[in-house]
C-alpha atoms as a PDB file:
ATOM      1  CA  MET A   1      15.227 -81.352-100.137  1.00  0.00           C
ATOM      2  CA  TYR A   2      14.884 -85.166-100.631  1.00  0.00           C
ATOM      3  CA  ASP A   3      13.102 -86.210-103.629  1.00  0.00           C
ATOM      4  CA  ARG A   4      14.918 -89.482-104.170  1.00  0.00           C
ATOM      5  CA  VAL A   5      16.564 -91.720-101.620  1.00  0.00           C
ATOM      6  CA  LEU A   6      18.723 -94.670-102.825  1.00  0.00           C
ATOM      7  CA  ILE A   7      18.747 -97.647-100.405  1.00  0.00           C
ATOM      8  CA  PRO A   8      21.428-100.442-101.032  1.00  0.00           C
ATOM      9  CA  THR A   9      20.784-103.562 -99.248  1.00  0.00           C
ATOM     10  CA  ASP A  10      22.168-107.066 -98.881  1.00  0.00           C
ATOM     11  CA  GLY A  11      19.362-108.583 -96.928  1.00  0.00           C
ATOM     12  CA  SER A  12      21.256-108.364 -93.469  1.00  0.00           C
ATOM     13  CA  SER A  13      19.801-107.059 -90.426  1.00  0.00           C
ATOM     14  CA  THR A  14      22.070-104.065 -90.463  1.00  0.00           C
ATOM     15  CA  ALA A  15      21.193-103.198 -93.893  1.00  0.00           C
ATOM     16  CA  MET A  16      17.413-103.373 -93.151  1.00  0.00           C
ATOM     17  CA  ARG A  17      18.118-100.889 -90.206  1.00  0.00           C
ATOM     18  CA  GLY A  18      19.750 -98.621 -92.906  1.00  0.00           C
ATOM     19  CA  ALA A  19      16.688 -99.206 -95.017  1.00  0.00           C
ATOM     20  CA  GLU A  20      14.201 -98.427 -92.060  1.00  0.00           C
ATOM     21  CA  TYR A  21      15.843 -95.042 -91.493  1.00  0.00           C
ATOM     22  CA  GLY A  22      15.964 -94.256 -95.217  1.00  0.00           C
ATOM     23  CA  VAL A  23      12.287 -95.004 -95.580  1.00  0.00           C
ATOM     24  CA  ARG A  24      11.424 -92.898 -92.642  1.00  0.00           C
ATOM     25  CA  LEU A  25      13.302 -90.093 -93.946  1.00  0.00           C
ATOM     26  CA  ALA A  26      11.715 -90.607 -97.252  1.00  0.00           C
ATOM     27  CA  ALA A  27       8.195 -90.643 -95.748  1.00  0.00           C
ATOM     28  CA  ALA A  28       8.838 -87.400 -94.032  1.00  0.00           C
ATOM     29  CA  ALA A  29      10.132 -85.788 -97.216  1.00  0.00           C
ATOM     30  CA  ASP A  30       7.679 -87.287 -99.536  1.00  0.00           C
ATOM     31  CA  ALA A  31      10.423 -88.812-101.669  1.00  0.00           C
ATOM     32  CA  THR A  32      10.617 -91.819-103.945  1.00  0.00           C
ATOM     33  CA  ILE A  33      12.928 -94.535-102.824  1.00  0.00           C
ATOM     34  CA  HIS A  34      15.360 -96.649-105.201  1.00  0.00           C
ATOM     35  CA  ALA A  35      16.110 -99.957-103.746  1.00  0.00           C
ATOM     36  CA  VAL A  36      19.223-101.887-105.108  1.00  0.00           C
ATOM     37  CA  ALA A  37      20.940-105.267-104.421  1.00  0.00           C
ATOM     38  CA  VAL A  38      24.100-106.394-106.053  1.00  0.00           C
ATOM     39  CA  ALA A  39      24.709-110.136-106.877  1.00  0.00           C
ATOM     40  CA  GLU A  40      28.279-110.819-106.911  1.00  0.00           C
ATOM     41  CA  PRO A  41      29.943-112.808-109.578  1.00  0.00           C
ATOM     42  CA  GLY A  42      31.351-116.064-107.967  1.00  0.00           C
ATOM     43  CA  GLY A  43      29.190-115.826-104.993  1.00  0.00           C
ATOM     44  CA  PHE A  44      27.964-118.767-102.997  1.00  0.00           C
ATOM     45  CA  GLN A  45      26.209-121.570-104.819  1.00  0.00           C
ATOM     46  CA  PRO A  46      24.435-124.587-103.528  1.00  0.00           C
ATOM     47  CA  LEU A  47      25.729-127.977-104.572  1.00  0.00           C
ATOM     48  CA  ASP A  48      23.012-128.540-107.146  1.00  0.00           C
ATOM     49  CA  ALA A  49      24.241-125.431-108.886  1.00  0.00           C
ATOM     50  CA  LEU A  50      27.857-126.642-109.057  1.00  0.00           C
ATOM     51  CA  PHE A  51      26.747-129.731-110.979  1.00  0.00           C
ATOM     52  CA  ASN A  52      24.146-128.255-113.108  1.00  0.00           C
ATOM     53  CA  PRO A  53      25.376-125.334-115.369  1.00  0.00           C
ATOM     54  CA  SER A  54      21.664-124.097-115.747  1.00  0.00           C
ATOM     55  CA  GLU A  55      21.337-123.276-112.142  1.00  0.00           C
ATOM     56  CA  GLY A  56      24.413-120.828-112.358  1.00  0.00           C
ATOM     57  CA  SER A  57      25.443-118.276-109.593  1.00  0.00           C
ATOM     58  CA  ALA A  58      23.784-115.458-111.688  1.00  0.00           C
ATOM     59  CA  VAL A  59      20.456-116.820-111.601  1.00  0.00           C
ATOM     60  CA  ARG A  60      20.712-117.940-107.876  1.00  0.00           C
ATOM     61  CA  GLY A  61      22.116-114.556-106.811  1.00  0.00           C
ATOM     62  CA  GLU A  62      19.310-112.635-108.528  1.00  0.00           C
ATOM     63  CA  SER A  63      16.909-114.802-106.654  1.00  0.00           C
ATOM     64  CA  ASP A  64      18.333-113.722-103.338  1.00  0.00           C
ATOM     65  CA  GLU A  65      18.871-110.183-104.337  1.00  0.00           C
ATOM     66  CA  GLU A  66      15.243-109.749-105.533  1.00  0.00           C
ATOM     67  CA  GLU A  67      14.050-111.023-102.217  1.00  0.00           C
ATOM     68  CA  TYR A  68      16.339-108.298-100.427  1.00  0.00           C
ATOM     69  CA  VAL A  69      14.952-105.633-102.577  1.00  0.00           C
ATOM     70  CA  ARG A  70      11.355-106.808-101.992  1.00  0.00           C
ATOM     71  CA  ALA A  71      11.891-106.582 -98.148  1.00  0.00           C
ATOM     72  CA  VAL A  72      12.862-102.892 -98.672  1.00  0.00           C
ATOM     73  CA  ALA A  73       9.774-102.320-100.920  1.00  0.00           C
ATOM     74  CA  GLY A  74       7.637-103.920 -98.172  1.00  0.00           C
ATOM     75  CA  LEU A  75       8.961-101.275 -95.636  1.00  0.00           C
ATOM     76  CA  ALA A  76       8.321 -98.555 -98.125  1.00  0.00           C
ATOM     77  CA  ASP A  77       4.691 -99.757 -98.574  1.00  0.00           C
ATOM     78  CA  ASP A  78       4.219 -99.797 -95.073  1.00  0.00           C
ATOM     79  CA  HIS A  79       5.044 -96.138 -94.793  1.00  0.00           C
ATOM     80  CA  GLY A  80       3.139 -94.991 -97.989  1.00  0.00           C
ATOM     81  CA  VAL A  81       6.416 -94.303 -99.908  1.00  0.00           C
ATOM     82  CA  ASP A  82       6.629 -95.046-103.925  1.00  0.00           C
ATOM     83  CA  VAL A  83       9.625 -97.535-104.531  1.00  0.00           C
ATOM     84  CA  GLU A  84      11.584 -98.727-107.578  1.00  0.00           C
ATOM     85  CA  ALA A  85      13.729-101.785-107.000  1.00  0.00           C
ATOM     86  CA  THR A  86      16.577-103.238-109.168  1.00  0.00           C
ATOM     87  CA  VAL A  87      19.007-105.873-108.920  1.00  0.00           C
ATOM     88  CA  ARG A  88      22.653-105.310-110.391  1.00  0.00           C
ATOM     89  CA  HIS A  89      25.606-107.722-110.771  1.00  0.00           C
ATOM     90  CA  GLY A  90      29.265-107.012-110.040  1.00  0.00           C
ATOM     91  CA  SER A  91      31.158-105.376-107.280  1.00  0.00           C
ATOM     92  CA  PRO A  92      28.838-103.810-104.560  1.00  0.00           C
ATOM     93  CA  ALA A  93      30.615-100.608-104.064  1.00  0.00           C
ATOM     94  CA  GLU A  94      30.921 -99.900-107.928  1.00  0.00           C
ATOM     95  CA  GLU A  95      27.433-100.794-108.789  1.00  0.00           C
ATOM     96  CA  ILE A  96      26.005 -98.812-105.862  1.00  0.00           C
ATOM     97  CA  VAL A  97      28.110 -95.721-106.852  1.00  0.00           C
ATOM     98  CA  SER A  98      27.185 -96.429-110.469  1.00  0.00           C
ATOM     99  CA  ARG A  99      23.456 -96.570-109.200  1.00  0.00           C
ATOM    100  CA  VAL A 100      23.981 -93.157-107.533  1.00  0.00           C
ATOM    101  CA  GLU A 101      25.227 -91.826-110.915  1.00  0.00           C
ATOM    102  CA  THR A 102      22.211 -93.017-112.767  1.00  0.00           C
ATOM    103  CA  THR A 103      19.407 -92.150-110.376  1.00  0.00           C
ATOM    104  CA  GLU A 104      21.010 -88.803-108.923  1.00  0.00           C
ATOM    105  CA  PRO A 105      19.454 -89.550-105.437  1.00  0.00           C
ATOM    106  CA  ASP A 106      19.575 -86.690-102.843  1.00  0.00           C
ATOM    107  CA  LEU A 107      20.537 -89.279-100.253  1.00  0.00           C
ATOM    108  CA  VAL A 108      21.934 -92.787 -99.870  1.00  0.00           C
ATOM    109  CA  ALA A 109      20.939 -94.759 -96.774  1.00  0.00           C
ATOM    110  CA  MET A 110      22.740 -97.948 -96.023  1.00  0.00           C
ATOM    111  CA  GLY A 111      24.259-100.133 -93.021  1.00  0.00           C
ATOM    112  CA  THR A 112      27.910-100.042 -92.103  1.00  0.00           C
ATOM    113  CA  ARG A 113      28.207-103.826 -91.590  1.00  0.00           C
ATOM    114  CA  GLY A 114      26.510-106.588 -93.637  1.00  0.00           C
ATOM    115  CA  ARG A 115      26.609-110.178 -94.496  1.00  0.00           C
ATOM    116  CA  SER A 116      29.899-111.915 -94.147  1.00  0.00           C
ATOM    117  CA  GLY A 117      31.211-115.364 -95.080  1.00  0.00           C
ATOM    118  CA  ILE A 118      31.624-117.290 -98.440  1.00  0.00           C
ATOM    119  CA  GLY A 119      31.229-115.113-101.384  1.00  0.00           C
ATOM    120  CA  ARG A 120      30.136-111.895 -99.673  1.00  0.00           C
ATOM    121  CA  LYS A 121      31.941-108.660 -98.714  1.00  0.00           C
ATOM    122  CA  LEU A 122      31.406-107.007 -95.504  1.00  0.00           C
ATOM    123  CA  LEU A 123      28.975-104.077 -96.157  1.00  0.00           C
ATOM    124  CA  GLY A 124      31.247-102.043 -93.844  1.00  0.00           C
ATOM    125  CA  SER A 125      33.973-101.850 -96.508  1.00  0.00           C
ATOM    126  CA  VAL A 126      31.306-101.155 -99.351  1.00  0.00           C
ATOM    127  CA  ALA A 127      29.819 -98.351 -97.111  1.00  0.00           C
ATOM    128  CA  GLU A 128      33.252 -96.845 -96.712  1.00  0.00           C
ATOM    129  CA  GLU A 129      33.969 -97.022-100.484  1.00  0.00           C
ATOM    130  CA  VAL A 130      30.421 -95.463-101.121  1.00  0.00           C
ATOM    131  CA  VAL A 131      31.013 -92.744 -98.584  1.00  0.00           C
ATOM    132  CA  HIS A 132      34.307 -91.843-100.342  1.00  0.00           C
ATOM    133  CA  ALA A 133      33.248 -92.045-103.872  1.00  0.00           C
ATOM    134  CA  ALA A 134      29.624 -90.868-103.823  1.00  0.00           C
ATOM    135  CA  PRO A 135      28.980 -87.166-104.350  1.00  0.00           C
ATOM    136  CA  THR A 136      25.484 -87.595-102.550  1.00  0.00           C
ATOM    137  CA  PRO A 137      25.224 -87.428 -98.822  1.00  0.00           C
ATOM    138  CA  VAL A 138      25.171 -90.915 -97.209  1.00  0.00           C
ATOM    139  CA  LEU A 139      23.430 -91.913 -94.052  1.00  0.00           C
ATOM    140  CA  THR A 140      25.058 -94.865 -92.280  1.00  0.00           C
ATOM    141  CA  THR A 141      23.642 -97.123 -89.462  1.00  0.00           C
ATOM    142  CA  GLY A 142      25.575 -99.701 -87.316  1.00  0.00           C
ATOM    143  CA  GLY A 143      24.316-103.115 -86.021  1.00  0.00           C
ATOM    144  CA  GLU A 144      21.687-104.143 -83.496  1.00  0.00           C
ATOM    145  CA  ASP A 145      23.442-102.340 -80.737  1.00  0.00           C
ATOM    146  CA  GLN A 146      23.144 -98.971 -82.214  1.00  0.00           C
ATOM    147  CA  ARG A 147      20.503 -96.611 -81.062  1.00  0.00           C
ATOM    148  CA  ALA A 148      17.013 -97.308 -82.542  1.00  0.00           C
ATOM    149  CA  LEU A 149      15.044 -94.233 -84.202  1.00  0.00           C
ATOM    150  CA  ALA A 150      12.238 -93.637 -81.730  1.00  0.00           C
ATOM    151  CA  GLY A 151       8.985 -93.085 -83.784  1.00  0.00           C
ATOM    152  CA  GLU A 152       8.865 -91.554 -87.025  1.00  0.00           C
ATOM    153  CA  SER A 153      10.597 -88.382 -86.420  1.00  0.00           C
ATOM    154  CA  ILE A 154      14.144 -86.960 -85.714  1.00  0.00           C
ATOM    155  CA  ASP A 155      14.065 -84.647 -82.431  1.00  0.00           C
ATOM    156  CA  ASP A 156      17.659 -83.862 -82.039  1.00  0.00           C
ATOM    157  CA  ILE A 157      20.512 -83.475 -84.561  1.00  0.00           C
ATOM    158  CA  LEU A 158      24.128 -83.071 -83.717  1.00  0.00           C
ATOM    159  CA  LEU A 159      26.395 -80.980 -85.981  1.00  0.00           C
ATOM    160  CA  PRO A 160      30.064 -81.139 -85.348  1.00  0.00           C
ATOM    161  CA  THR A 161      31.778 -78.252 -87.049  1.00  0.00           C
ATOM    162  CA  ARG A 162      35.048 -76.383 -87.602  1.00  0.00           C
ATOM    163  CA  GLY A 163      33.410 -73.393 -89.202  1.00  0.00           C
ATOM    164  CA  GLY A 164      34.246 -71.665 -92.274  1.00  0.00           C
ATOM    165  CA  GLU A 165      32.898 -72.156 -96.008  1.00  0.00           C
ATOM    166  CA  GLU A 166      33.554 -75.776 -96.046  1.00  0.00           C
ATOM    167  CA  ALA A 167      30.960 -76.410 -93.255  1.00  0.00           C
ATOM    168  CA  GLY A 168      28.135 -75.024 -95.284  1.00  0.00           C
ATOM    169  CA  PRO A 169      26.858 -78.163 -97.021  1.00  0.00           C
ATOM    170  CA  ALA A 170      26.653 -80.094 -93.821  1.00  0.00           C
ATOM    171  CA  ILE A 171      24.913 -77.004 -92.056  1.00  0.00           C
ATOM    172  CA  ASP A 172      22.444 -77.107 -95.029  1.00  0.00           C
ATOM    173  CA  HIS A 173      21.359 -80.510 -94.598  1.00  0.00           C
ATOM    174  CA  ALA A 174      21.273 -80.336 -90.697  1.00  0.00           C
ATOM    175  CA  ILE A 175      19.055 -77.307 -90.844  1.00  0.00           C
ATOM    176  CA  ASP A 176      16.956 -78.837 -93.846  1.00  0.00           C
ATOM    177  CA  LEU A 177      16.348 -81.945 -91.715  1.00  0.00           C
ATOM    178  CA  ALA A 178      15.716 -80.190 -88.678  1.00  0.00           C
ATOM    179  CA  THR A 179      13.061 -77.958 -90.297  1.00  0.00           C
ATOM    180  CA  ILE A 180      11.380 -81.039 -91.639  1.00  0.00           C
ATOM    181  CA  HIS A 181      11.197 -82.692 -88.303  1.00  0.00           C
ATOM    182  CA  ASP A 182      11.045 -79.491 -85.981  1.00  0.00           C
ATOM    183  CA  ALA A 183      14.264 -80.836 -84.353  1.00  0.00           C
ATOM    184  CA  THR A 184      16.656 -79.119 -82.153  1.00  0.00           C
ATOM    185  CA  VAL A 185      20.180 -78.463 -83.765  1.00  0.00           C
ATOM    186  CA  HIS A 186      23.195 -79.060 -81.402  1.00  0.00           C
ATOM    187  CA  LEU A 187      26.417 -77.424 -82.642  1.00  0.00           C
ATOM    188  CA  LEU A 188      29.566 -79.162 -81.225  1.00  0.00           C
ATOM    189  CA  TYR A 189      33.109 -77.765 -81.739  1.00  0.00           C
ATOM    190  CA  VAL A 190      35.962 -80.214 -80.289  1.00  0.00           C
ATOM    191  CA  VAL A 191      39.124 -78.907 -79.351  1.00  0.00           C
ATOM    192  CA  ASP A 192      41.834 -81.511 -79.471  1.00  0.00           C
ATOM    193  CA  PRO A 193      44.611 -80.232 -76.901  1.00  0.00           C
ATOM    194  CA  ASP A 194      47.159 -82.697 -78.545  1.00  0.00           C
ATOM    195  CA  THR A 195      46.848 -81.387 -82.007  1.00  0.00           C
ATOM    196  CA  ALA A 196      45.880 -77.696 -81.268  1.00  0.00           C
ATOM    197  CA  GLY A 197      48.690 -77.296 -78.993  1.00  0.00           C
ATOM    198  CA  VAL A 198      46.562 -75.251 -76.548  1.00  0.00           C
ATOM    199  CA  ASP A 199      45.745 -75.351 -72.905  1.00  0.00           C
ATOM    200  CA  PRO A 200      42.073 -76.227 -72.374  1.00  0.00           C
ATOM    201  CA  ASN A 201      41.920 -73.704 -69.403  1.00  0.00           C
ATOM    202  CA  GLU A 202      42.869 -70.903 -71.659  1.00  0.00           C
ATOM    203  CA  VAL A 203      40.428 -71.834 -74.369  1.00  0.00           C
ATOM    204  CA  THR A 204      37.633 -72.138 -71.792  1.00  0.00           C
ATOM    205  CA  GLU A 205      38.147 -68.385 -70.782  1.00  0.00           C
ATOM    206  CA  ALA A 206      37.510 -67.427 -74.445  1.00  0.00           C
ATOM    207  CA  GLU A 207      34.583 -69.952 -75.145  1.00  0.00           C
ATOM    208  CA  ASP A 208      32.062 -67.281 -76.091  1.00  0.00           C
ATOM    209  CA  ASP A 209      34.396 -65.836 -78.752  1.00  0.00           C
ATOM    210  CA  LEU A 210      35.160 -69.382 -80.030  1.00  0.00           C
ATOM    211  CA  ILE A 211      31.589 -70.048 -80.297  1.00  0.00           C
ATOM    212  CA  ASP A 212      30.986 -66.828 -82.233  1.00  0.00           C
ATOM    213  CA  GLU A 213      33.960 -67.499 -84.477  1.00  0.00           C
ATOM    214  CA  VAL A 214      33.359 -71.205 -85.221  1.00  0.00           C
ATOM    215  CA  MET A 215      29.603 -71.767 -84.856  1.00  0.00           C
ATOM    216  CA  GLY A 216      28.278 -68.250 -85.172  1.00  0.00           C
ATOM    217  CA  ASP A 217      27.074 -68.849 -88.819  1.00  0.00           C
ATOM    218  CA  ALA A 218      25.430 -72.129 -88.164  1.00  0.00           C
ATOM    219  CA  ARG A 219      23.710 -70.721 -85.109  1.00  0.00           C
ATOM    220  CA  GLU A 220      22.308 -67.692 -86.853  1.00  0.00           C
ATOM    221  CA  ARG A 221      21.105 -69.750 -89.834  1.00  0.00           C
ATOM    222  CA  SER A 222      19.471 -72.205 -87.499  1.00  0.00           C
ATOM    223  CA  ARG A 223      17.623 -69.400 -85.800  1.00  0.00           C
ATOM    224  CA  GLU A 224      16.678 -67.738 -89.015  1.00  0.00           C
ATOM    225  CA  ALA A 225      15.037 -71.044 -90.022  1.00  0.00           C
ATOM    226  CA  GLY A 226      12.901 -70.899 -86.769  1.00  0.00           C
ATOM    227  CA  LEU A 227      14.850 -73.806 -85.128  1.00  0.00           C
ATOM    228  CA  ASP A 228      16.034 -74.196 -81.445  1.00  0.00           C
ATOM    229  CA  VAL A 229      19.904 -74.340 -81.412  1.00  0.00           C
ATOM    230  CA  GLU A 230      22.338 -75.143 -78.725  1.00  0.00           C
ATOM    231  CA  THR A 231      26.243 -74.863 -78.797  1.00  0.00           C
ATOM    232  CA  THR A 232      28.816 -76.923 -77.008  1.00  0.00           C
ATOM    233  CA  ILE A 233      32.476 -77.081 -76.825  1.00  0.00           C
ATOM    234  CA  ARG A 234      34.307 -80.250 -75.705  1.00  0.00           C
ATOM    235  CA  TYR A 235      37.829 -80.976 -75.208  1.00  0.00           C
ATOM    236  CA  GLY A 236      39.662 -84.273 -76.280  1.00  0.00           C
ATOM    237  CA  THR A 237      39.998 -86.786 -79.027  1.00  0.00           C
ATOM    238  CA  PRO A 238      37.367 -85.419 -81.734  1.00  0.00           C
ATOM    239  CA  HIS A 239      35.616 -88.845 -82.681  1.00  0.00           C
ATOM    240  CA  GLU A 240      35.509 -89.827 -78.969  1.00  0.00           C
ATOM    241  CA  GLU A 241      34.054 -86.519 -77.894  1.00  0.00           C
ATOM    242  CA  ILE A 242      31.492 -86.482 -80.704  1.00  0.00           C
ATOM    243  CA  ASP A 243      30.245 -89.935 -79.597  1.00  0.00           C
ATOM    244  CA  ALA A 244      30.164 -88.788 -76.109  1.00  0.00           C
ATOM    245  CA  ALA A 245      28.036 -85.632 -77.034  1.00  0.00           C
ATOM    246  CA  ALA A 246      25.725 -87.672 -79.005  1.00  0.00           C
ATOM    247  CA  ALA A 247      25.091 -89.886 -75.975  1.00  0.00           C
ATOM    248  CA  THR A 248      24.897 -86.980 -73.565  1.00  0.00           C
ATOM    249  CA  LEU A 249      22.499 -85.055 -75.716  1.00  0.00           C
ATOM    250  CA  ASP A 250      20.451 -88.086 -76.684  1.00  0.00           C
ATOM    251  CA  VAL A 251      20.494 -87.157 -80.364  1.00  0.00           C
ATOM    252  CA  ASP A 252      18.904 -89.208 -83.056  1.00  0.00           C
ATOM    253  CA  LEU A 253      21.226 -88.348 -85.868  1.00  0.00           C
ATOM    254  CA  VAL A 254      24.860 -87.000 -86.322  1.00  0.00           C
ATOM    255  CA  THR A 255      25.545 -84.825 -89.504  1.00  0.00           C
ATOM    256  CA  ILE A 256      29.150 -84.310 -90.474  1.00  0.00           C
ATOM    257  CA  GLY A 257      31.139 -83.028 -93.537  1.00  0.00           C
ATOM    258  CA  THR A 258      33.730 -84.809 -95.721  1.00  0.00           C
ATOM    259  CA  ALA A 259      36.011 -83.313 -98.229  1.00  0.00           C
ATOM    260  CA  THR A 260      35.204 -83.556-101.944  1.00  0.00           C
ATOM    261  CA  ASP A 261      38.619 -84.689-102.828  1.00  0.00           C
ATOM    262  CA  ARG A 262      37.621 -87.968-101.117  1.00  0.00           C
ATOM    263  CA  ARG A 263      39.896 -87.457 -98.094  1.00  0.00           C
ATOM    264  CA  PHE A 264      37.947 -87.421 -94.814  1.00  0.00           C
ATOM    265  CA  SER A 265      37.929 -84.048 -93.265  1.00  0.00           C
ATOM    266  CA  LEU A 266      38.688 -83.306 -89.636  1.00  0.00           C
ATOM    267  CA  GLY A 267      41.852 -85.425 -89.812  1.00  0.00           C
ATOM    268  CA  GLY A 268      39.969 -88.551 -90.216  1.00  0.00           C
ATOM    269  CA  VAL A 269      37.434 -87.789 -87.518  1.00  0.00           C
ATOM    270  CA  THR A 270      34.473 -88.363 -90.032  1.00  0.00           C
ATOM    271  CA  GLU A 271      35.774 -91.918 -90.815  1.00  0.00           C
ATOM    272  CA  ARG A 272      36.418 -92.772 -87.191  1.00  0.00           C
ATOM    273  CA  THR A 273      32.861 -91.393 -86.296  1.00  0.00           C
ATOM    274  CA  ILE A 274      31.099 -93.483 -88.839  1.00  0.00           C
ATOM    275  CA  ARG A 275      32.889 -96.589 -87.558  1.00  0.00           C
ATOM    276  CA  THR A 276      32.363 -96.074 -83.811  1.00  0.00           C
ATOM    277  CA  ALA A 277      29.200 -94.106 -83.367  1.00  0.00           C
ATOM    278  CA  ASP A 278      26.221 -95.419 -81.525  1.00  0.00           C
ATOM    279  CA  HIS A 279      24.049 -93.166 -83.702  1.00  0.00           C
ATOM    280  CA  PRO A 280      23.120 -92.769 -87.324  1.00  0.00           C
ATOM    281  CA  VAL A 281      25.713 -90.763 -89.138  1.00  0.00           C
ATOM    282  CA  LEU A 282      24.881 -88.420 -92.096  1.00  0.00           C
ATOM    283  CA  THR A 283      27.986 -87.500 -94.047  1.00  0.00           C
ATOM    284  CA  VAL A 284      27.818 -84.777 -96.438  1.00  0.00           C
ATOM    285  CA  GLN A 285      30.581 -83.990 -98.977  1.00  0.00           C
ATOM    286  CA  THR A 286      32.100 -80.559 -98.602  1.00  0.00           C
ATOM    287  CA  GLU A 287      32.023 -78.349-101.618  1.00  0.00           C
END
């Protein structure tokens, strides 16, 4: 399923957490890693560079970024994973998406917040742009307060879904990952009473029918793959209920779909989930 994994990095601790997740997934799938760091024009320069044109920002930036990709290469080497590293110059989001188009990876793994300060964009805005623009599934991880991946495997995957054909790609990736790691798939459907215009009490009485209608396909496909699968319905604000379910079920990963027209599906739920989740989030473009 994953032959190539692209890992962008800016050297921050959050970026390295994303790299760690990406490396572990690559190791489990026997994939090759493509590490990339982007040096921005006009970035921070030491005083000696300001007075010595030969010590320009491009040279200085490349030195920094080469260090960042070497750190990712070190992680890959520790896990026995082949790695190719490159440094690019320009806008981080544009260069990362360009690298996606060039290397055609099966997955992008990156942090949601990175370095800040003079000459550096927050990786958070970069991650959002990549999720919007890249046709490839993107795995995002948060800061140090986010749940750490225990061991080398993924044991529980949460798959929020509304059913239908658009859910197919996210279901595919959740099942593939669960198969690799022999993980349990937790299917989740969130009913938002405010937008659905329904009484939770009435929905509760018909939960079995709702599970069959919304989650039936994913449940059967998971079972056919020989996986353990559980179904849950929650009521409330979708992204909050996704976070709550992930915590309650103690999952290792949340897999959720986005729309190919670059508008987040589920009424902005995917975007909010990426920003607030205490767990890594794998976003998959809906075909």
